[in-house]
Amino acid sequence: MPQIPEIHKCPEHLLPVKEWEDSLLSDFLQLRLALSQDANKYCEDETMSSQSIEDVLMEILKKRLHTVTDESFGEVVSDIQGMDSVTRVSKLKKRICLVEKESGLQSSDFKWIVALCASVDTPLDADTCACLRALLRKCASLRALEVEDEQVIIMANMLITIAGRYFGQME
């Protein structure tokens, strides 16, 4: 049996409130719906623009992180649109492995993980669930240790909510 490290205790004031989590999950479901509808339309019309999905993704991040970003998500969205379901899961696992190895949480990894989580087919296989649990543990540890960086705490809370509540990987 593998040895799973303990998660550091997080100060209460850094934990998200239920209403915040519910609102995030609602926005996340909207993104999943936009991606799934777009995939159907993309099969019918390969010239379709990914702008609406990019807008949904940018709005979620802007609303949660309280920042205005001039960063484009077009590359992320168009890359995901071009992937089949197996590739999406594989890319998600690789991004999670990268985050596990890093000492912090990078914005680029975060946006890719959110977008890939929104695009993967459910139900998830056991390996993907294990990766999401590992991501949840990593984010919980980062949240407990990174009390200075508000952006990291918010990104960690978002990934914990998505992995834990949406995909059912809370321990």
Protein backbone atom coordinates (compact mmCIF):
# COMPACT_ATOMS: atom_id res chain seq x y z
CA MET A 1 0.00 0.00 0.00
CA PRO A 2 1.49 3.37 -0.96
CA GLN A 3 2.27 5.84 1.80
CA ILE A 4 0.07 8.92 1.34
CA PRO A 5 1.48 12.04 2.98
CA GLU A 6 -0.56 13.96 5.51
CA ILE A 7 -2.15 17.20 4.38
CA HIS A 8 -1.15 20.28 6.33
CA LYS A 9 -3.97 21.88 8.27
CA CYS A 10 -5.23 25.05 6.64
CA PRO A 11 -6.18 28.16 8.60
CA GLU A 12 -9.98 28.44 8.69
CA HIS A 13 -10.04 31.87 7.04
CA LEU A 14 -8.42 30.45 3.86
CA LEU A 15 -11.13 27.85 3.29
CA PRO A 16 -13.84 28.75 0.77
CA VAL A 17 -17.43 29.17 1.92
CA LYS A 18 -20.08 26.83 0.54
CA GLU A 19 -21.77 29.60 -1.48
CA TRP A 20 -18.46 30.38 -3.23
CA GLU A 21 -17.97 26.69 -4.04
CA ASP A 22 -21.55 26.37 -5.31
CA SER A 23 -21.11 29.43 -7.54
CA LEU A 24 -17.82 28.07 -8.90
CA LEU A 25 -19.40 24.70 -9.64
CA SER A 26 -22.24 26.43 -11.48
CA ASP A 27 -19.73 28.34 -13.63
CA PHE A 28 -17.71 25.15 -14.14
CA LEU A 29 -20.83 23.32 -15.34
CA GLN A 30 -21.48 26.17 -17.78
CA LEU A 31 -17.94 25.75 -19.14
CA ARG A 32 -18.39 21.96 -19.45
CA LEU A 33 -21.66 22.52 -21.29
CA ALA A 34 -20.06 25.05 -23.65
CA LEU A 35 -17.22 22.63 -24.39
CA SER A 36 -19.53 19.66 -24.95
CA GLN A 37 -21.89 21.65 -27.20
CA ASP A 38 -18.94 23.09 -29.05
CA ALA A 39 -17.51 19.61 -29.61
CA ASN A 40 -20.77 18.57 -31.25
CA LYS A 41 -20.86 21.72 -33.38
CA TYR A 42 -17.16 21.40 -34.17
CA CYS A 43 -17.80 17.97 -35.67
CA GLU A 44 -20.50 19.47 -37.88
CA ASP A 45 -18.66 22.69 -38.77
CA GLU A 46 -14.88 22.64 -38.44
CA THR A 47 -14.62 26.38 -39.07
CA MET A 48 -16.46 27.27 -35.85
CA SER A 49 -14.75 29.82 -33.62
CA SER A 50 -13.65 28.94 -30.11
CA GLN A 51 -14.23 32.52 -28.93
CA SER A 52 -17.36 31.76 -26.87
CA ILE A 53 -15.60 29.05 -24.87
CA GLU A 54 -12.59 31.28 -24.39
CA ASP A 55 -14.93 34.00 -23.11
CA VAL A 56 -16.56 31.62 -20.62
CA LEU A 57 -13.16 30.46 -19.35
CA MET A 58 -11.84 34.04 -19.06
CA GLU A 59 -14.99 35.16 -17.23
CA ILE A 60 -14.68 32.35 -14.67
CA LEU A 61 -11.05 33.19 -13.97
CA LYS A 62 -11.61 36.95 -13.92
CA LYS A 63 -14.57 36.56 -11.54
CA ARG A 64 -12.71 34.25 -9.15
CA LEU A 65 -9.19 35.68 -9.24
CA HIS A 66 -10.39 39.30 -9.22
CA THR A 67 -7.91 40.26 -11.90
CA VAL A 68 -8.23 41.50 -15.43
CA THR A 69 -6.02 39.46 -17.66
CA ASP A 70 -4.94 40.31 -21.16
CA GLU A 71 -3.83 36.73 -21.54
CA SER A 72 -5.49 34.80 -24.36
CA PHE A 73 -6.96 31.37 -23.80
CA GLY A 74 -7.51 30.76 -27.50
CA GLU A 75 -4.55 28.39 -27.74
CA VAL A 76 -5.78 26.31 -24.79
CA VAL A 77 -9.33 26.11 -26.15
CA SER A 78 -8.32 25.34 -29.73
CA ASP A 79 -5.83 22.69 -28.59
CA ILE A 80 -8.48 21.02 -26.43
CA GLN A 81 -11.02 21.15 -29.25
CA GLY A 82 -8.58 19.25 -31.46
CA MET A 83 -8.07 16.44 -28.93
CA ASP A 84 -10.00 13.22 -28.66
CA SER A 85 -11.27 12.10 -25.24
CA VAL A 86 -8.29 9.80 -24.56
CA THR A 87 -5.80 12.59 -25.31
CA ARG A 88 -7.65 15.00 -23.04
CA VAL A 89 -7.42 12.60 -20.09
CA SER A 90 -3.76 11.92 -20.86
CA LYS A 91 -2.95 15.66 -20.99
CA LEU A 92 -4.85 16.22 -17.73
CA LYS A 93 -2.81 13.52 -15.97
CA LYS A 94 0.45 14.98 -17.33
CA ARG A 95 -0.45 18.51 -16.15
CA ILE A 96 -1.35 17.19 -12.70
CA CYS A 97 1.99 15.35 -12.53
CA LEU A 98 3.78 18.61 -13.41
CA VAL A 99 1.97 20.44 -10.61
CA GLU A 100 2.81 17.68 -8.13
CA LYS A 101 6.53 18.06 -8.90
CA GLU A 102 6.54 21.87 -8.64
CA SER A 103 6.87 23.78 -5.41
CA GLY A 104 4.03 26.15 -6.30
CA LEU A 105 1.07 26.50 -8.63
CA GLN A 106 1.69 28.26 -11.92
CA SER A 107 -1.06 30.20 -13.67
CA SER A 108 -0.49 28.36 -16.97
CA ASP A 109 -0.80 24.92 -15.35
CA PHE A 110 -3.89 26.09 -13.48
CA LYS A 111 -5.74 27.29 -16.59
CA TRP A 112 -4.88 24.11 -18.48
CA ILE A 113 -6.10 21.90 -15.64
CA VAL A 114 -9.38 23.81 -15.31
CA ALA A 115 -9.98 23.65 -19.07
CA LEU A 116 -9.03 19.97 -19.30
CA CYS A 117 -11.22 19.09 -16.29
CA ALA A 118 -14.08 20.87 -18.04
CA SER A 119 -13.51 18.83 -21.19
CA VAL A 120 -12.92 15.27 -19.95
CA ASP A 121 -15.64 12.70 -20.36
CA THR A 122 -17.25 11.22 -17.28
CA PRO A 123 -17.28 8.81 -15.55
CA LEU A 124 -13.53 8.93 -14.96
CA ASP A 125 -11.35 5.84 -14.80
CA ALA A 126 -9.60 4.87 -11.55
CA ASP A 127 -6.20 6.28 -12.62
CA THR A 128 -7.69 9.68 -13.44
CA CYS A 129 -9.53 9.74 -10.11
CA ALA A 130 -6.25 8.94 -8.35
CA CYS A 131 -4.55 11.82 -10.20
CA LEU A 132 -7.35 14.19 -9.17
CA ARG A 133 -6.99 13.07 -5.53
CA ALA A 134 -3.24 13.73 -5.77
CA LEU A 135 -4.01 17.19 -7.20
CA LEU A 136 -6.44 17.82 -4.36
CA ARG A 137 -3.80 16.87 -1.76
CA LYS A 138 -1.16 19.03 -3.46
CA CYS A 139 -3.49 22.03 -3.63
CA ALA A 140 -4.55 21.57 -0.01
CA SER A 141 -0.90 21.55 1.05
CA LEU A 142 -0.14 24.62 -1.08
CA ARG A 143 -3.13 26.43 0.39
CA ALA A 144 -1.97 25.68 3.92
CA LEU A 145 1.61 26.77 3.24
CA GLU A 146 1.07 29.72 0.86
CA VAL A 147 -0.77 32.03 3.21
CA GLU A 148 0.91 35.07 1.64
CA ASP A 149 -0.13 34.65 -2.01
CA GLU A 150 -3.87 35.22 -2.43
CA GLN A 151 -3.85 34.13 -6.11
CA VAL A 152 -2.32 30.74 -5.25
CA ILE A 153 -4.87 30.24 -2.47
CA ILE A 154 -7.77 31.03 -4.82
CA MET A 155 -6.40 28.80 -7.60
CA ALA A 156 -5.87 26.00 -5.07
CA ASN A 157 -9.41 26.43 -3.71
CA MET A 158 -10.81 26.31 -7.24
CA LEU A 159 -8.95 23.09 -8.09
CA ILE A 160 -9.88 21.53 -4.73
CA THR A 161 -13.56 22.34 -5.35
CA ILE A 162 -13.49 20.96 -8.90
CA ALA A 163 -11.56 17.79 -8.02
CA GLY A 164 -13.25 17.28 -4.68
CA ARG A 165 -16.85 18.29 -5.13
CA TYR A 166 -17.45 17.99 -8.87
CA PHE A 167 -15.45 14.81 -9.44
CA GLY A 168 -16.17 13.41 -5.96
CA GLN A 169 -12.56 13.01 -4.82
CA MET A 170 -12.83 14.58 -1.33
CA GLU A 171 -11.28 12.35 1.26
